[in-house]
mmCIF file of all heavy atoms, coordinates in Angstrom:
data_MODEL
# 
_entry.id   MODEL 
# 
loop_
_atom_site.group_PDB 
_atom_site.id 
_atom_site.type_symbol 
_atom_site.label_atom_id 
_atom_site.label_alt_id 
_atom_site.label_comp_id 
_atom_site.label_asym_id 
_atom_site.label_entity_id 
_atom_site.label_seq_id 
_atom_site.pdbx_PDB_ins_code 
_atom_site.Cartn_x 
_atom_site.Cartn_y 
_atom_site.Cartn_z 
_atom_site.occupancy 
_atom_site.B_iso_or_equiv 
_atom_site.pdbx_formal_charge 
_atom_site.auth_seq_id 
_atom_site.auth_comp_id 
_atom_site.auth_asym_id 
_atom_site.auth_atom_id 
_atom_site.pdbx_PDB_model_num 
ATOM 1   N N   . ARG A 1 1  ? 7.004   65.329 -51.811 1.00 0.00 ? 1  ARG A N   1 
ATOM 2   C CA  . ARG A 1 1  ? 6.061   66.435 -51.897 1.00 0.00 ? 1  ARG A CA  1 
ATOM 3   C C   . ARG A 1 1  ? 4.818   66.068 -50.976 1.00 0.00 ? 1  ARG A C   1 
ATOM 4   O O   . ARG A 1 1  ? 4.400   67.026 -50.262 1.00 0.00 ? 1  ARG A O   1 
ATOM 5   C CB  . ARG A 1 1  ? 5.516   66.544 -53.260 1.00 0.00 ? 1  ARG A CB  1 
ATOM 6   C CG  . ARG A 1 1  ? 6.458   67.177 -54.264 1.00 0.00 ? 1  ARG A CG  1 
ATOM 7   C CD  . ARG A 1 1  ? 5.955   67.742 -55.541 1.00 0.00 ? 1  ARG A CD  1 
ATOM 8   N NE  . ARG A 1 1  ? 5.550   66.563 -56.425 1.00 0.00 ? 1  ARG A NE  1 
ATOM 9   C CZ  . ARG A 1 1  ? 6.376   65.979 -57.227 1.00 0.00 ? 1  ARG A CZ  1 
ATOM 10  N NH1 . ARG A 1 1  ? 7.687   66.259 -57.389 1.00 0.00 ? 1  ARG A NH1 1 
ATOM 11  N NH2 . ARG A 1 1  ? 5.897   64.950 -58.009 1.00 0.00 ? 1  ARG A NH2 1 
ATOM 12  N N   . ARG A 1 2  ? 4.468   64.817 -50.893 1.00 0.00 ? 2  ARG A N   1 
ATOM 13  C CA  . ARG A 1 2  ? 3.424   64.512 -49.881 1.00 0.00 ? 2  ARG A CA  1 
ATOM 14  C C   . ARG A 1 2  ? 3.896   64.752 -48.501 1.00 0.00 ? 2  ARG A C   1 
ATOM 15  O O   . ARG A 1 2  ? 3.122   65.217 -47.674 1.00 0.00 ? 2  ARG A O   1 
ATOM 16  C CB  . ARG A 1 2  ? 3.008   63.037 -50.110 1.00 0.00 ? 2  ARG A CB  1 
ATOM 17  C CG  . ARG A 1 2  ? 2.164   62.747 -51.418 1.00 0.00 ? 2  ARG A CG  1 
ATOM 18  C CD  . ARG A 1 2  ? 1.561   61.314 -51.381 1.00 0.00 ? 2  ARG A CD  1 
ATOM 19  N NE  . ARG A 1 2  ? 2.585   60.334 -51.289 1.00 0.00 ? 2  ARG A NE  1 
ATOM 20  C CZ  . ARG A 1 2  ? 2.977   59.745 -52.312 1.00 0.00 ? 2  ARG A CZ  1 
ATOM 21  N NH1 . ARG A 1 2  ? 2.580   60.098 -53.546 1.00 0.00 ? 2  ARG A NH1 1 
ATOM 22  N NH2 . ARG A 1 2  ? 3.895   58.656 -52.153 1.00 0.00 ? 2  ARG A NH2 1 
ATOM 23  N N   . ALA A 1 3  ? 5.159   64.347 -48.254 1.00 0.00 ? 3  ALA A N   1 
ATOM 24  C CA  . ALA A 1 3  ? 5.669   64.604 -46.929 1.00 0.00 ? 3  ALA A CA  1 
ATOM 25  C C   . ALA A 1 3  ? 5.733   66.138 -46.496 1.00 0.00 ? 3  ALA A C   1 
ATOM 26  O O   . ALA A 1 3  ? 5.446   66.486 -45.378 1.00 0.00 ? 3  ALA A O   1 
ATOM 27  C CB  . ALA A 1 3  ? 7.162   64.037 -46.904 1.00 0.00 ? 3  ALA A CB  1 
ATOM 28  N N   . ALA A 1 4  ? 5.984   67.004 -47.544 1.00 0.00 ? 4  ALA A N   1 
ATOM 29  C CA  . ALA A 1 4  ? 5.986   68.376 -47.162 1.00 0.00 ? 4  ALA A CA  1 
ATOM 30  C C   . ALA A 1 4  ? 4.575   68.845 -46.791 1.00 0.00 ? 4  ALA A C   1 
ATOM 31  O O   . ALA A 1 4  ? 4.405   69.595 -45.882 1.00 0.00 ? 4  ALA A O   1 
ATOM 32  C CB  . ALA A 1 4  ? 6.526   69.183 -48.472 1.00 0.00 ? 4  ALA A CB  1 
ATOM 33  N N   . PHE A 1 5  ? 3.640   68.425 -47.477 1.00 0.00 ? 5  PHE A N   1 
ATOM 34  C CA  . PHE A 1 5  ? 2.292   68.786 -47.213 1.00 0.00 ? 5  PHE A CA  1 
ATOM 35  C C   . PHE A 1 5  ? 1.765   68.230 -45.829 1.00 0.00 ? 5  PHE A C   1 
ATOM 36  O O   . PHE A 1 5  ? 1.121   68.937 -45.189 1.00 0.00 ? 5  PHE A O   1 
ATOM 37  C CB  . PHE A 1 5  ? 1.325   68.246 -48.235 1.00 0.00 ? 5  PHE A CB  1 
ATOM 38  C CG  . PHE A 1 5  ? 1.310   69.142 -49.556 1.00 0.00 ? 5  PHE A CG  1 
ATOM 39  C CD1 . PHE A 1 5  ? 1.543   68.464 -50.748 1.00 0.00 ? 5  PHE A CD1 1 
ATOM 40  C CD2 . PHE A 1 5  ? 1.060   70.385 -49.626 1.00 0.00 ? 5  PHE A CD2 1 
ATOM 41  C CE1 . PHE A 1 5  ? 1.596   69.224 -51.933 1.00 0.00 ? 5  PHE A CE1 1 
ATOM 42  C CE2 . PHE A 1 5  ? 1.114   71.148 -50.798 1.00 0.00 ? 5  PHE A CE2 1 
ATOM 43  C CZ  . PHE A 1 5  ? 1.410   70.488 -51.960 1.00 0.00 ? 5  PHE A CZ  1 
ATOM 44  N N   . GLU A 1 6  ? 2.241   67.037 -45.498 1.00 0.00 ? 6  GLU A N   1 
ATOM 45  C CA  . GLU A 1 6  ? 1.908   66.587 -44.189 1.00 0.00 ? 6  GLU A CA  1 
ATOM 46  C C   . GLU A 1 6  ? 2.462   67.249 -43.086 1.00 0.00 ? 6  GLU A C   1 
ATOM 47  O O   . GLU A 1 6  ? 1.910   67.504 -42.041 1.00 0.00 ? 6  GLU A O   1 
ATOM 48  C CB  . GLU A 1 6  ? 2.387   65.056 -44.093 1.00 0.00 ? 6  GLU A CB  1 
ATOM 49  C CG  . GLU A 1 6  ? 1.387   64.001 -44.979 1.00 0.00 ? 6  GLU A CG  1 
ATOM 50  C CD  . GLU A 1 6  ? 0.035   64.045 -44.555 1.00 0.00 ? 6  GLU A CD  1 
ATOM 51  O OE1 . GLU A 1 6  ? -0.243  64.058 -43.287 1.00 0.00 ? 6  GLU A OE1 1 
ATOM 52  O OE2 . GLU A 1 6  ? -0.774  63.937 -45.373 1.00 0.00 ? 6  GLU A OE2 1 
ATOM 53  N N   . GLU A 1 7  ? 3.685   67.745 -43.303 1.00 0.00 ? 7  GLU A N   1 
ATOM 54  C CA  . GLU A 1 7  ? 4.370   68.571 -42.333 1.00 0.00 ? 7  GLU A CA  1 
ATOM 55  C C   . GLU A 1 7  ? 3.731   69.886 -42.125 1.00 0.00 ? 7  GLU A C   1 
ATOM 56  O O   . GLU A 1 7  ? 3.543   70.290 -41.030 1.00 0.00 ? 7  GLU A O   1 
ATOM 57  C CB  . GLU A 1 7  ? 5.928   68.896 -42.767 1.00 0.00 ? 7  GLU A CB  1 
ATOM 58  C CG  . GLU A 1 7  ? 6.842   67.745 -42.506 1.00 0.00 ? 7  GLU A CG  1 
ATOM 59  C CD  . GLU A 1 7  ? 6.968   67.355 -41.007 1.00 0.00 ? 7  GLU A CD  1 
ATOM 60  O OE1 . GLU A 1 7  ? 7.166   68.285 -40.204 1.00 0.00 ? 7  GLU A OE1 1 
ATOM 61  O OE2 . GLU A 1 7  ? 6.873   66.114 -40.760 1.00 0.00 ? 7  GLU A OE2 1 
ATOM 62  N N   . GLU A 1 8  ? 3.213   70.509 -43.199 1.00 0.00 ? 8  GLU A N   1 
ATOM 63  C CA  . GLU A 1 8  ? 2.503   71.749 -43.053 1.00 0.00 ? 8  GLU A CA  1 
ATOM 64  C C   . GLU A 1 8  ? 1.090   71.568 -42.402 1.00 0.00 ? 8  GLU A C   1 
ATOM 65  O O   . GLU A 1 8  ? 0.586   72.386 -41.591 1.00 0.00 ? 8  GLU A O   1 
ATOM 66  C CB  . GLU A 1 8  ? 2.282   72.451 -44.461 1.00 0.00 ? 8  GLU A CB  1 
ATOM 67  C CG  . GLU A 1 8  ? 3.609   73.180 -44.991 1.00 0.00 ? 8  GLU A CG  1 
ATOM 68  C CD  . GLU A 1 8  ? 4.065   74.120 -43.965 1.00 0.00 ? 8  GLU A CD  1 
ATOM 69  O OE1 . GLU A 1 8  ? 3.300   74.916 -43.259 1.00 0.00 ? 8  GLU A OE1 1 
ATOM 70  O OE2 . GLU A 1 8  ? 5.277   74.155 -43.645 1.00 0.00 ? 8  GLU A OE2 1 
ATOM 71  N N   . LYS A 1 9  ? 0.518   70.430 -42.731 1.00 0.00 ? 9  LYS A N   1 
ATOM 72  C CA  . LYS A 1 9  ? -0.758  70.127 -42.002 1.00 0.00 ? 9  LYS A CA  1 
ATOM 73  C C   . LYS A 1 9  ? -0.685  70.074 -40.597 1.00 0.00 ? 9  LYS A C   1 
ATOM 74  O O   . LYS A 1 9  ? -1.536  70.511 -39.791 1.00 0.00 ? 9  LYS A O   1 
ATOM 75  C CB  . LYS A 1 9  ? -1.424  68.869 -42.558 1.00 0.00 ? 9  LYS A CB  1 
ATOM 76  C CG  . LYS A 1 9  ? -2.043  68.936 -43.997 1.00 0.00 ? 9  LYS A CG  1 
ATOM 77  C CD  . LYS A 1 9  ? -2.505  67.490 -44.547 1.00 0.00 ? 9  LYS A CD  1 
ATOM 78  C CE  . LYS A 1 9  ? -3.437  66.927 -43.571 1.00 0.00 ? 9  LYS A CE  1 
ATOM 79  N NZ  . LYS A 1 9  ? -3.729  65.541 -44.111 1.00 0.00 ? 9  LYS A NZ  1 
ATOM 80  N N   . LYS A 1 10 ? 0.483   69.415 -40.107 1.00 0.00 ? 10 LYS A N   1 
ATOM 81  C CA  . LYS A 1 10 ? 0.724   69.385 -38.626 1.00 0.00 ? 10 LYS A CA  1 
ATOM 82  C C   . LYS A 1 10 ? 0.808   70.764 -37.921 1.00 0.00 ? 10 LYS A C   1 
ATOM 83  O O   . LYS A 1 10 ? 0.375   70.840 -36.762 1.00 0.00 ? 10 LYS A O   1 
ATOM 84  C CB  . LYS A 1 10 ? 2.000   68.626 -38.359 1.00 0.00 ? 10 LYS A CB  1 
ATOM 85  C CG  . LYS A 1 10 ? 1.912   67.032 -38.684 1.00 0.00 ? 10 LYS A CG  1 
ATOM 86  C CD  . LYS A 1 10 ? 3.262   66.430 -38.562 1.00 0.00 ? 10 LYS A CD  1 
ATOM 87  C CE  . LYS A 1 10 ? 3.325   64.948 -39.019 1.00 0.00 ? 10 LYS A CE  1 
ATOM 88  N NZ  . LYS A 1 10 ? 4.630   64.383 -38.881 1.00 0.00 ? 10 LYS A NZ  1 
ATOM 89  N N   . LYS A 1 11 ? 1.255   71.646 -38.690 1.00 0.00 ? 11 LYS A N   1 
ATOM 90  C CA  . LYS A 1 11 ? 1.396   73.105 -38.138 1.00 0.00 ? 11 LYS A CA  1 
ATOM 91  C C   . LYS A 1 11 ? 0.080   73.789 -38.031 1.00 0.00 ? 11 LYS A C   1 
ATOM 92  O O   . LYS A 1 11 ? -0.046  74.926 -37.374 1.00 0.00 ? 11 LYS A O   1 
ATOM 93  C CB  . LYS A 1 11 ? 2.394   73.838 -39.000 1.00 0.00 ? 11 LYS A CB  1 
ATOM 94  C CG  . LYS A 1 11 ? 3.827   73.316 -38.938 1.00 0.00 ? 11 LYS A CG  1 
ATOM 95  C CD  . LYS A 1 11 ? 4.758   74.070 -39.899 1.00 0.00 ? 11 LYS A CD  1 
ATOM 96  C CE  . LYS A 1 11 ? 6.105   73.374 -40.002 1.00 0.00 ? 11 LYS A CE  1 
ATOM 97  N NZ  . LYS A 1 11 ? 6.986   74.132 -40.986 1.00 0.00 ? 11 LYS A NZ  1 
ATOM 98  N N   . CYS A 1 12 ? -0.914  73.456 -38.880 1.00 0.00 ? 12 CYS A N   1 
ATOM 99  C CA  . CYS A 1 12 ? -2.173  74.114 -39.005 1.00 0.00 ? 12 CYS A CA  1 
ATOM 100 C C   . CYS A 1 12 ? -3.041  73.921 -37.759 1.00 0.00 ? 12 CYS A C   1 
ATOM 101 O O   . CYS A 1 12 ? -3.126  72.786 -37.159 1.00 0.00 ? 12 CYS A O   1 
ATOM 102 C CB  . CYS A 1 12 ? -2.985  73.660 -40.238 1.00 0.00 ? 12 CYS A CB  1 
ATOM 103 S SG  . CYS A 1 12 ? -2.259  74.151 -41.731 1.00 0.00 ? 12 CYS A SG  1 
ATOM 104 N N   . THR A 1 13 ? -3.594  74.903 -37.178 1.00 0.00 ? 13 THR A N   1 
ATOM 105 C CA  . THR A 1 13 ? -4.502  74.831 -36.015 1.00 0.00 ? 13 THR A CA  1 
ATOM 106 C C   . THR A 1 13 ? -5.841  74.428 -36.496 1.00 0.00 ? 13 THR A C   1 
ATOM 107 O O   . THR A 1 13 ? -6.629  73.990 -35.624 1.00 0.00 ? 13 THR A O   1 
ATOM 108 C CB  . THR A 1 13 ? -4.553  76.182 -35.259 1.00 0.00 ? 13 THR A CB  1 
ATOM 109 O OG1 . THR A 1 13 ? -5.074  77.123 -36.316 1.00 0.00 ? 13 THR A OG1 1 
ATOM 110 C CG2 . THR A 1 13 ? -3.303  76.434 -34.703 1.00 0.00 ? 13 THR A CG2 1 
ATOM 111 N N   . SER A 1 14 ? -6.195  74.489 -37.796 1.00 0.00 ? 14 SER A N   1 
ATOM 112 C CA  . SER A 1 14 ? -7.510  74.034 -38.304 1.00 0.00 ? 14 SER A CA  1 
ATOM 113 C C   . SER A 1 14 ? -7.664  72.611 -38.273 1.00 0.00 ? 14 SER A C   1 
ATOM 114 O O   . SER A 1 14 ? -6.651  71.797 -38.230 1.00 0.00 ? 14 SER A O   1 
ATOM 115 C CB  . SER A 1 14 ? -7.753  74.574 -39.713 1.00 0.00 ? 14 SER A CB  1 
ATOM 116 O OG  . SER A 1 14 ? -7.526  75.952 -39.837 1.00 0.00 ? 14 SER A OG  1 
ATOM 117 N N   . SER A 1 15 ? -8.866  72.131 -38.282 1.00 0.00 ? 15 SER A N   1 
ATOM 118 C CA  . SER A 1 15 ? -9.112  70.644 -38.315 1.00 0.00 ? 15 SER A CA  1 
ATOM 119 C C   . SER A 1 15 ? -8.895  70.153 -39.717 1.00 0.00 ? 15 SER A C   1 
ATOM 120 O O   . SER A 1 15 ? -8.799  70.891 -40.738 1.00 0.00 ? 15 SER A O   1 
ATOM 121 C CB  . SER A 1 15 ? -10.556 70.419 -37.991 1.00 0.00 ? 15 SER A CB  1 
ATOM 122 O OG  . SER A 1 15 ? -11.429 70.784 -38.960 1.00 0.00 ? 15 SER A OG  1 
ATOM 123 N N   . ASP A 1 16 ? -8.670  68.842 -39.852 1.00 0.00 ? 16 ASP A N   1 
ATOM 124 C CA  . ASP A 1 16 ? -8.297  68.274 -41.165 1.00 0.00 ? 16 ASP A CA  1 
ATOM 125 C C   . ASP A 1 16 ? -9.396  68.578 -42.165 1.00 0.00 ? 16 ASP A C   1 
ATOM 126 O O   . ASP A 1 16 ? -9.146  68.706 -43.363 1.00 0.00 ? 16 ASP A O   1 
ATOM 127 C CB  . ASP A 1 16 ? -7.996  66.719 -40.982 1.00 0.00 ? 16 ASP A CB  1 
ATOM 128 C CG  . ASP A 1 16 ? -6.751  66.417 -40.349 1.00 0.00 ? 16 ASP A CG  1 
ATOM 129 O OD1 . ASP A 1 16 ? -5.846  67.390 -40.143 1.00 0.00 ? 16 ASP A OD1 1 
ATOM 130 O OD2 . ASP A 1 16 ? -6.509  65.263 -39.945 1.00 0.00 ? 16 ASP A OD2 1 
ATOM 131 N N   . ASP A 1 17 ? -10.682 68.585 -41.768 1.00 0.00 ? 17 ASP A N   1 
ATOM 132 C CA  . ASP A 1 17 ? -11.786 68.832 -42.632 1.00 0.00 ? 17 ASP A CA  1 
ATOM 133 C C   . ASP A 1 17 ? -11.778 70.246 -43.346 1.00 0.00 ? 17 ASP A C   1 
ATOM 134 O O   . ASP A 1 17 ? -12.308 70.374 -44.322 1.00 0.00 ? 17 ASP A O   1 
ATOM 135 C CB  . ASP A 1 17 ? -13.059 68.737 -41.862 1.00 0.00 ? 17 ASP A CB  1 
ATOM 136 C CG  . ASP A 1 17 ? -13.331 67.193 -41.473 1.00 0.00 ? 17 ASP A CG  1 
ATOM 137 O OD1 . ASP A 1 17 ? -12.643 66.320 -42.028 1.00 0.00 ? 17 ASP A OD1 1 
ATOM 138 O OD2 . ASP A 1 17 ? -14.126 67.063 -40.611 1.00 0.00 ? 17 ASP A OD2 1 
ATOM 139 N N   . ASP A 1 18 ? -10.936 71.121 -42.746 1.00 0.00 ? 18 ASP A N   1 
ATOM 140 C CA  . ASP A 1 18 ? -10.905 72.442 -43.157 1.00 0.00 ? 18 ASP A CA  1 
ATOM 141 C C   . ASP A 1 18 ? -9.550  72.779 -44.017 1.00 0.00 ? 18 ASP A C   1 
ATOM 142 O O   . ASP A 1 18 ? -9.248  73.866 -44.464 1.00 0.00 ? 18 ASP A O   1 
ATOM 143 C CB  . ASP A 1 18 ? -10.947 73.598 -42.133 1.00 0.00 ? 18 ASP A CB  1 
ATOM 144 C CG  . ASP A 1 18 ? -12.376 73.351 -41.322 1.00 0.00 ? 18 ASP A CG  1 
ATOM 145 O OD1 . ASP A 1 18 ? -13.301 73.076 -41.976 1.00 0.00 ? 18 ASP A OD1 1 
ATOM 146 O OD2 . ASP A 1 18 ? -12.323 73.535 -40.168 1.00 0.00 ? 18 ASP A OD2 1 
ATOM 147 N N   . ILE A 1 19 ? -8.840  71.731 -44.129 1.00 0.00 ? 19 ILE A N   1 
ATOM 148 C CA  . ILE A 1 19 ? -7.513  71.965 -44.902 1.00 0.00 ? 19 ILE A CA  1 
ATOM 149 C C   . ILE A 1 19 ? -7.576  71.391 -46.336 1.00 0.00 ? 19 ILE A C   1 
ATOM 150 O O   . ILE A 1 19 ? -8.060  70.215 -46.548 1.00 0.00 ? 19 ILE A O   1 
ATOM 151 C CB  . ILE A 1 19 ? -6.296  71.163 -44.159 1.00 0.00 ? 19 ILE A CB  1 
ATOM 152 C CG1 . ILE A 1 19 ? -6.073  71.829 -42.741 1.00 0.00 ? 19 ILE A CG1 1 
ATOM 153 C CG2 . ILE A 1 19 ? -5.063  71.363 -44.941 1.00 0.00 ? 19 ILE A CG2 1 
ATOM 154 C CD1 . ILE A 1 19 ? -5.100  71.174 -41.862 1.00 0.00 ? 19 ILE A CD1 1 
ATOM 155 N N   . ARG A 1 20 ? -7.132  72.200 -47.373 1.00 0.00 ? 20 ARG A N   1 
ATOM 156 C CA  . ARG A 1 20 ? -7.210  71.708 -48.728 1.00 0.00 ? 20 ARG A CA  1 
ATOM 157 C C   . ARG A 1 20 ? -5.769  71.786 -49.363 1.00 0.00 ? 20 ARG A C   1 
ATOM 158 O O   . ARG A 1 20 ? -4.993  72.666 -48.987 1.00 0.00 ? 20 ARG A O   1 
ATOM 159 C CB  . ARG A 1 20 ? -8.074  72.663 -49.586 1.00 0.00 ? 20 ARG A CB  1 
ATOM 160 C CG  . ARG A 1 20 ? -9.612  72.607 -49.041 1.00 0.00 ? 20 ARG A CG  1 
ATOM 161 C CD  . ARG A 1 20 ? -10.272 71.325 -49.372 1.00 0.00 ? 20 ARG A CD  1 
ATOM 162 N NE  . ARG A 1 20 ? -11.647 71.284 -48.948 1.00 0.00 ? 20 ARG A NE  1 
ATOM 163 C CZ  . ARG A 1 20 ? -12.094 70.926 -47.661 1.00 0.00 ? 20 ARG A CZ  1 
ATOM 164 N NH1 . ARG A 1 20 ? -11.253 70.470 -46.755 1.00 0.00 ? 20 ARG A NH1 1 
ATOM 165 N NH2 . ARG A 1 20 ? -13.290 70.989 -47.415 1.00 0.00 ? 20 ARG A NH2 1 
ATOM 166 N N   . ILE A 1 21 ? -5.410  70.840 -50.125 1.00 0.00 ? 21 ILE A N   1 
ATOM 167 C CA  . ILE A 1 21 ? -4.103  70.841 -50.712 1.00 0.00 ? 21 ILE A CA  1 
ATOM 168 C C   . ILE A 1 21 ? -4.305  70.988 -52.207 1.00 0.00 ? 21 ILE A C   1 
ATOM 169 O O   . ILE A 1 21 ? -4.953  70.185 -52.908 1.00 0.00 ? 21 ILE A O   1 
ATOM 170 C CB  . ILE A 1 21 ? -3.304  69.588 -50.375 1.00 0.00 ? 21 ILE A CB  1 
ATOM 171 C CG1 . ILE A 1 21 ? -3.006  69.284 -48.962 1.00 0.00 ? 21 ILE A CG1 1 
ATOM 172 C CG2 . ILE A 1 21 ? -2.050  69.481 -51.228 1.00 0.00 ? 21 ILE A CG2 1 
ATOM 173 C CD1 . ILE A 1 21 ? -2.455  68.042 -48.542 1.00 0.00 ? 21 ILE A CD1 1 
ATOM 174 N N   . ALA A 1 22 ? -3.967  72.182 -52.746 1.00 0.00 ? 22 ALA A N   1 
ATOM 175 C CA  . ALA A 1 22 ? -4.150  72.467 -54.269 1.00 0.00 ? 22 ALA A CA  1 
ATOM 176 C C   . ALA A 1 22 ? -3.066  72.034 -55.039 1.00 0.00 ? 22 ALA A C   1 
ATOM 177 O O   . ALA A 1 22 ? -1.853  72.507 -54.750 1.00 0.00 ? 22 ALA A O   1 
ATOM 178 C CB  . ALA A 1 22 ? -4.459  74.051 -54.231 1.00 0.00 ? 22 ALA A CB  1 
ATOM 179 N N   . LEU A 1 23 ? -3.339  71.247 -56.034 1.00 0.00 ? 23 LEU A N   1 
ATOM 180 C CA  . LEU A 1 23 ? -2.366  70.764 -56.987 1.00 0.00 ? 23 LEU A CA  1 
ATOM 181 C C   . LEU A 1 23 ? -2.722  71.358 -58.431 1.00 0.00 ? 23 LEU A C   1 
ATOM 182 O O   . LEU A 1 23 ? -3.912  71.510 -58.731 1.00 0.00 ? 23 LEU A O   1 
ATOM 183 C CB  . LEU A 1 23 ? -2.343  69.289 -57.052 1.00 0.00 ? 23 LEU A CB  1 
ATOM 184 C CG  . LEU A 1 23 ? -2.215  68.541 -55.758 1.00 0.00 ? 23 LEU A CG  1 
ATOM 185 C CD1 . LEU A 1 23 ? -2.269  67.010 -55.906 1.00 0.00 ? 23 LEU A CD1 1 
ATOM 186 C CD2 . LEU A 1 23 ? -0.797  68.887 -55.142 1.00 0.00 ? 23 LEU A CD2 1 
ATOM 187 N N   . ALA A 1 24 ? -1.778  71.663 -59.197 1.00 0.00 ? 24 ALA A N   1 
ATOM 188 C CA  . ALA A 1 24 ? -1.935  72.413 -60.482 1.00 0.00 ? 24 ALA A CA  1 
ATOM 189 C C   . ALA A 1 24 ? -2.078  71.537 -61.678 1.00 0.00 ? 24 ALA A C   1 
ATOM 190 O O   . ALA A 1 24 ? -1.546  71.860 -62.737 1.00 0.00 ? 24 ALA A O   1 
ATOM 191 C CB  . ALA A 1 24 ? -0.755  73.363 -60.674 1.00 0.00 ? 24 ALA A CB  1 
# 
């Protein structure tokens, strides 16, 4: 699951400071 989020982060054009990972 962590690997999946890391893959998606790489695709984002936003900086890391603007990316949030929401867990339930």
